[in-house]
Amino acid sequence: MIKKCLFPAAGYGTRFLPATKSMPKEMMPVVNKPLIEYGVEEAISAGMEGMCIVTGRGKHTLMDHFDKNYELEHQIEGTNKEVLLDDIRRLIDSARYTYIRQREMKGLGHAILTGRELVGDEPFAVVLADDLCVNPEGDGVLEQMVDLYKQFRCSIVAVQEVPKSETHKYGVIAGDTIRDDLFRITDMVEKPAPGTEPSNLAIIGRYILTPDIFELIEQTEPGKGGEIQITDALMKQAEKGCVIAYKFKGKRFDCGSVEGYMEATNYCFQHMYLKDKNVELKQEVTVKEEAQTA
């Protein structure tokens, strides 16, 4: 039902300078995989097969990552290192990758509008790669949201509770409660001034949007700093119809900040990387034992 996922990836990543001077922030590794690879894995797990990436100047490594590297593959072919490419090869074969350049940085709304040509006239997901989301106990965040879309057939934003002292960093929603984890949005404010926030439910980097959002973005006037905010367009959509906010199951790490990036790295190393290594070791032991028995 939702077949395409849009990745706005044209930003400069200034909070990680000088590391991001020549490397896209989306390519920063969390353990042994770049941030955007985690997002693509999440989208594919949710049944999506079209990855639409909005890039900018100096972002060619994003395109290179989701393509063959013949020289590297030739050098390690037949060695024990070749298995390290299994995951990325699977991702390359499991989806189609298209790219478009955002010439000017005019906010998230403008980045999404830039991707219109890639998405077309159909509902689609949006992933902000520097919000790394994991749910080891169940479905990924996008998969949870796709299930909701099948029921509500409207735009959906993922939200989480944050301390009131941090609401000024986010788009913040208020809404009528449908159930404990689901709200029909009645108000939405981008980075509210302290004390003016409508709630402590902050929008994070996972969206499902219906295609009429593009016309609403076109009608949205630039706000502070000349940026076109997706929250303004979503608020118009909520007033005309329905936009749902969903408190997702799982953990989210703000990898746009140094603290969140380090937290994500430690978590993924402890709970994902080492777990996979332990599984590999057990498989090797089993194979050796079977060989000895034979």
Protein backbone atom coordinates (compact mmCIF):
# COMPACT_ATOMS: atom_id res chain seq x y z
CA MET A 1 0.00 0.00 0.00
CA ILE A 2 2.85 2.40 0.86
CA LYS A 3 5.49 1.57 -1.72
CA LYS A 4 7.83 4.59 -1.64
CA CYS A 5 9.89 6.17 1.10
CA LEU A 6 11.35 9.66 0.81
CA PHE A 7 14.66 10.49 2.50
CA PRO A 8 15.39 14.24 2.79
CA ALA A 9 19.19 14.15 2.87
CA ALA A 10 20.39 17.51 1.59
CA GLY A 11 21.21 19.18 4.93
CA TYR A 12 24.71 20.25 5.91
CA GLY A 13 24.88 18.50 9.30
CA THR A 14 26.55 21.52 10.88
CA ARG A 15 26.27 20.12 14.42
CA PHE A 16 28.88 17.52 13.46
CA LEU A 17 31.44 19.78 11.87
CA PRO A 18 34.23 19.24 10.98
CA ALA A 19 33.27 15.57 10.39
CA THR A 20 30.48 16.56 7.99
CA LYS A 21 32.60 19.04 6.02
CA SER A 22 33.16 16.42 3.33
CA MET A 23 30.96 13.51 4.51
CA PRO A 24 27.14 13.60 4.52
CA LYS A 25 25.72 13.30 8.04
CA GLU A 26 23.51 10.47 6.73
CA MET A 27 26.69 8.48 6.03
CA MET A 28 28.04 8.75 9.57
CA PRO A 29 28.46 5.19 10.87
CA VAL A 30 26.61 3.80 13.86
CA VAL A 31 28.91 0.87 14.67
CA ASN A 32 29.48 -0.51 11.14
CA LYS A 33 26.54 0.86 9.14
CA PRO A 34 25.76 4.43 8.04
CA LEU A 35 22.65 6.09 9.44
CA ILE A 36 20.77 6.04 6.16
CA GLU A 37 21.22 2.28 5.85
CA TYR A 38 19.27 1.77 9.08
CA GLY A 39 16.47 3.89 7.63
CA VAL A 40 16.41 1.95 4.36
CA GLU A 41 16.28 -1.34 6.26
CA GLU A 42 13.30 -0.04 8.22
CA ALA A 43 11.50 1.02 5.04
CA ILE A 44 12.10 -2.31 3.29
CA SER A 45 10.86 -4.19 6.36
CA ALA A 46 7.66 -2.14 6.09
CA GLY A 47 7.12 -3.39 2.52
CA MET A 48 8.50 -0.40 0.63
CA GLU A 49 10.46 -0.91 -2.55
CA GLY A 50 11.14 2.61 -3.86
CA MET A 51 13.76 4.66 -1.99
CA CYS A 52 13.56 8.31 -3.08
CA ILE A 53 16.52 10.32 -1.83
CA VAL A 54 16.68 14.12 -1.89
CA THR A 55 20.36 15.03 -2.02
CA GLY A 56 22.46 18.17 -2.19
CA ARG A 57 25.97 19.29 -3.08
CA GLY A 58 28.71 16.91 -1.96
CA LYS A 59 26.30 14.01 -1.32
CA HIS A 60 27.51 11.67 -4.07
CA THR A 61 28.60 9.08 -1.48
CA LEU A 62 24.92 8.41 -0.76
CA MET A 63 24.46 7.26 -4.35
CA ASP A 64 27.74 5.32 -4.29
CA HIS A 65 26.71 3.46 -1.13
CA PHE A 66 23.61 1.96 -2.74
CA ASP A 67 25.50 0.83 -5.83
CA LYS A 68 28.09 -1.78 -6.69
CA ASN A 69 31.75 -1.08 -5.97
CA TYR A 70 33.40 -3.35 -8.51
CA GLU A 71 36.97 -2.69 -7.41
CA LEU A 72 36.26 -3.41 -3.73
CA GLU A 73 34.18 -6.49 -4.51
CA HIS A 74 36.87 -7.85 -6.81
CA GLN A 75 39.56 -7.34 -4.15
CA ILE A 76 37.71 -9.23 -1.40
CA GLU A 77 35.96 -11.83 -3.57
CA GLY A 78 36.46 -15.31 -2.15
CA THR A 79 37.88 -14.05 1.15
CA ASN A 80 36.31 -14.20 4.60
CA LYS A 81 35.63 -10.44 4.30
CA GLU A 82 33.16 -10.84 1.46
CA VAL A 83 30.38 -11.77 3.89
CA LEU A 84 30.58 -8.21 5.30
CA LEU A 85 28.88 -6.98 2.13
CA ASP A 86 25.89 -9.32 2.47
CA ASP A 87 23.59 -6.79 4.16
CA ILE A 88 24.19 -3.92 1.75
CA ARG A 89 23.96 -6.24 -1.27
CA ARG A 90 20.57 -7.40 0.01
CA LEU A 91 19.39 -3.80 0.35
CA ILE A 92 20.59 -2.91 -3.16
CA ASP A 93 18.72 -5.88 -4.63
CA SER A 94 15.57 -5.32 -2.55
CA ALA A 95 14.70 -1.80 -3.67
CA ARG A 96 14.93 0.82 -6.41
CA TYR A 97 16.91 3.97 -5.64
CA THR A 98 16.16 7.31 -7.25
CA TYR A 99 17.74 10.69 -6.51
CA ILE A 100 16.99 14.36 -6.97
CA ARG A 101 19.00 17.40 -5.86
CA GLN A 102 17.60 20.11 -3.60
CA ARG A 103 19.36 23.23 -4.85
CA GLU A 104 18.53 25.42 -1.85
CA MET A 105 18.05 24.54 1.81
CA LYS A 106 14.58 25.93 2.56
CA GLY A 107 13.35 23.65 5.30
CA LEU A 108 11.87 20.17 5.56
CA GLY A 109 8.68 21.15 3.77
CA HIS A 110 10.68 22.33 0.76
CA ALA A 111 12.80 19.15 0.80
CA ILE A 112 9.66 17.01 0.72
CA LEU A 113 8.22 19.12 -2.10
CA THR A 114 11.47 18.64 -4.04
CA GLY A 115 10.87 14.89 -3.87
CA ARG A 116 7.44 15.18 -5.51
CA GLU A 117 8.80 14.18 -8.90
CA LEU A 118 10.17 10.95 -7.43
CA VAL A 119 7.12 10.08 -5.33
CA GLY A 120 4.32 10.87 -7.77
CA ASP A 121 0.62 10.89 -6.90
CA GLU A 122 0.50 8.27 -4.17
CA PRO A 123 0.83 8.05 -0.38
CA PHE A 124 4.41 7.76 0.79
CA ALA A 125 6.60 7.55 3.87
CA VAL A 126 9.25 10.02 4.99
CA VAL A 127 12.31 9.05 7.03
CA LEU A 128 14.76 11.52 8.54
CA ALA A 129 17.87 9.35 8.74
CA ASP A 130 19.35 11.16 11.73
CA ASP A 131 16.41 9.92 13.81
CA LEU A 132 17.46 6.30 14.31
CA CYS A 133 14.53 4.16 15.46
CA VAL A 134 14.76 0.57 16.70
CA ASN A 135 12.23 -1.86 18.14
CA PRO A 136 14.00 -5.15 18.91
CA GLU A 137 10.83 -6.62 20.44
CA GLY A 138 8.56 -6.17 17.42
CA ASP A 139 7.75 -4.33 14.19
CA GLY A 140 9.76 -1.28 13.12
CA VAL A 141 8.22 2.17 13.44
CA LEU A 142 7.34 2.48 9.74
CA GLU A 143 5.73 -0.96 9.74
CA GLN A 144 3.58 0.08 12.70
CA MET A 145 2.57 3.26 10.86
CA VAL A 146 1.73 1.41 7.63
CA ASP A 147 -0.67 -0.80 9.60
CA LEU A 148 -2.36 2.34 10.93
CA TYR A 149 -2.58 3.85 7.46
CA LYS A 150 -4.52 0.81 6.28
CA GLN A 151 -7.13 1.72 8.89
CA PHE A 152 -7.22 5.53 8.74
CA ARG A 153 -6.08 6.38 5.18
CA CYS A 154 -4.73 9.79 6.20
CA SER A 155 -1.39 11.41 7.02
CA ILE A 156 0.29 10.07 10.15
CA VAL A 157 3.17 11.50 12.19
CA ALA A 158 5.19 9.63 14.78
CA VAL A 159 5.43 11.36 18.17
CA GLN A 160 7.06 10.76 21.52
CA GLU A 161 6.88 12.41 24.89
CA VAL A 162 9.82 14.73 25.62
CA PRO A 163 10.62 16.89 28.65
CA LYS A 164 8.90 20.29 28.44
CA SER A 165 12.34 21.86 28.59
CA GLU A 166 13.09 20.32 25.16
CA THR A 167 9.85 21.02 23.29
CA HIS A 168 11.38 24.12 21.68
CA LYS A 169 13.52 21.79 19.53
CA TYR A 170 10.57 20.05 17.86
CA GLY A 171 7.25 20.34 16.14
CA VAL A 172 4.76 19.76 18.95
CA ILE A 173 1.16 18.54 18.64
CA ALA A 174 -2.07 18.61 20.60
CA GLY A 175 -5.03 16.43 19.74
CA ASP A 176 -8.14 14.51 20.67
CA THR A 177 -7.36 11.10 22.15
CA ILE A 178 -8.45 8.14 20.04
CA ARG A 179 -6.65 5.68 22.30
CA ASP A 180 -3.64 5.85 24.62
CA ASP A 181 -1.14 5.94 21.76
CA LEU A 182 -3.22 7.65 19.06
CA PHE A 183 -4.43 11.24 18.64
CA ARG A 184 -6.36 13.21 16.06
CA ILE A 185 -4.33 16.40 15.70
CA THR A 186 -6.05 19.69 16.52
CA ASP A 187 -2.96 21.87 16.90
CA MET A 188 0.65 21.74 15.75
CA VAL A 189 3.40 24.26 16.46
CA GLU A 190 6.96 24.25 15.10
CA LYS A 191 9.56 24.85 17.81
CA PRO A 192 7.26 26.66 20.27
CA ALA A 193 8.70 29.22 22.65
CA PRO A 194 9.16 27.89 26.20
CA GLY A 195 5.86 27.94 28.04
CA THR A 196 3.73 28.08 24.87
CA GLU A 197 3.94 24.42 23.83
CA PRO A 198 0.49 22.76 23.35
CA SER A 199 1.75 19.50 24.92
CA ASN A 200 4.95 17.52 25.37
CA LEU A 201 4.25 15.27 22.34
CA ALA A 202 7.04 15.97 19.86
CA ILE A 203 7.09 14.92 16.21
CA ILE A 204 10.08 12.75 15.28
CA GLY A 205 11.44 11.84 11.85
CA ARG A 206 8.83 9.34 10.66
CA TYR A 207 5.82 10.34 8.57
CA ILE A 208 3.26 8.83 6.25
CA LEU A 209 1.85 11.51 3.96
CA THR A 210 -0.98 11.56 1.46
CA PRO A 211 -0.16 13.15 -1.92
CA ASP A 212 -2.34 16.23 -1.38
CA ILE A 213 0.37 17.40 1.03
CA PHE A 214 2.35 18.69 -1.97
CA GLU A 215 -0.26 21.29 -2.91
CA LEU A 216 -0.52 22.35 0.73
CA ILE A 217 3.26 22.81 0.92
CA GLU A 218 3.11 24.96 -2.22
CA GLN A 219 0.53 27.16 -0.48
CA THR A 220 2.62 27.44 2.70
CA GLU A 221 4.45 30.71 3.26
CA PRO A 222 8.07 30.55 4.42
CA GLY A 223 8.50 31.05 8.15
CA LYS A 224 11.48 31.88 10.33
CA GLY A 225 14.75 31.86 8.38
CA GLY A 226 12.85 31.61 5.09
CA GLU A 227 12.13 27.91 5.70
CA ILE A 228 8.94 26.13 4.63
CA GLN A 229 7.81 24.00 7.56
CA ILE A 230 6.09 20.66 6.99
CA THR A 231 4.19 21.24 10.26
CA ASP A 232 2.42 24.27 8.72
CA ALA A 233 1.27 22.19 5.75
CA LEU A 234 0.21 19.33 8.01
CA MET A 235 -1.82 21.74 10.15
CA LYS A 236 -3.71 22.86 7.04
CA GLN A 237 -4.31 19.20 6.22
CA ALA A 238 -5.59 18.56 9.75
CA GLU A 239 -8.01 21.48 9.49
CA LYS A 240 -9.40 20.24 6.17
CA GLY A 241 -9.55 16.57 7.06
CA CYS A 242 -7.56 14.40 9.44
CA VAL A 243 -3.95 13.94 10.54
CA ILE A 244 -3.11 11.28 13.12
CA ALA A 245 -0.28 11.36 15.68
CA TYR A 246 1.04 8.00 16.85
CA LYS A 247 3.13 7.22 19.93
CA PHE A 248 5.24 4.47 18.43
CA LYS A 249 6.64 1.38 20.10
CA GLY A 250 10.43 1.29 20.26
CA LYS A 251 13.38 3.57 20.91
CA ARG A 252 14.44 6.68 19.02
CA PHE A 253 17.88 8.26 19.06
CA ASP A 254 18.51 11.83 17.93
CA CYS A 255 21.66 11.22 15.92
CA GLY A 256 21.64 14.84 14.81
CA SER A 257 23.17 15.61 18.21
CA VAL A 258 26.51 14.33 19.47
CA GLU A 259 24.93 12.99 22.68
CA GLY A 260 22.20 11.11 20.82
CA TYR A 261 24.67 9.77 18.28
CA MET A 262 26.90 8.35 21.00
CA GLU A 263 23.89 6.87 22.81
CA ALA A 264 22.76 5.20 19.58
CA THR A 265 26.24 3.82 18.90
CA ASN A 266 26.52 2.31 22.37
CA TYR A 267 23.00 0.85 22.18
CA CYS A 268 23.45 -0.69 18.73
CA PHE A 269 26.83 -2.13 19.70
CA GLN A 270 25.49 -3.74 22.85
CA HIS A 271 22.05 -4.88 21.67
CA MET A 272 22.47 -5.52 17.94
CA TYR A 273 26.10 -5.91 16.86
CA LEU A 274 27.24 -8.14 19.73
CA LYS A 275 24.01 -10.14 19.54
CA ASP A 276 24.62 -10.86 15.84
CA LYS A 277 28.22 -11.80 16.59
CA ASN A 278 27.10 -14.25 19.30
CA VAL A 279 24.68 -15.86 16.84
CA GLU A 280 27.48 -16.23 14.28
CA LEU A 281 29.78 -17.80 16.87
CA LYS A 282 27.09 -20.30 17.91
CA GLN A 283 26.53 -21.23 14.27
CA GLU A 284 30.27 -21.77 13.76
CA VAL A 285 30.44 -23.99 16.85
CA THR A 286 27.44 -26.02 15.64
CA VAL A 287 29.01 -26.53 12.21
CA LYS A 288 32.32 -27.68 13.77
CA GLU A 289 30.52 -30.06 16.11
CA GLU A 290 28.52 -31.56 13.24
CA ALA A 291 31.71 -31.95 11.18
CA GLN A 292 33.46 -33.74 14.06
CA THR A 293 30.47 -36.05 14.57
CA ALA A 294 30.38 -36.92 10.87
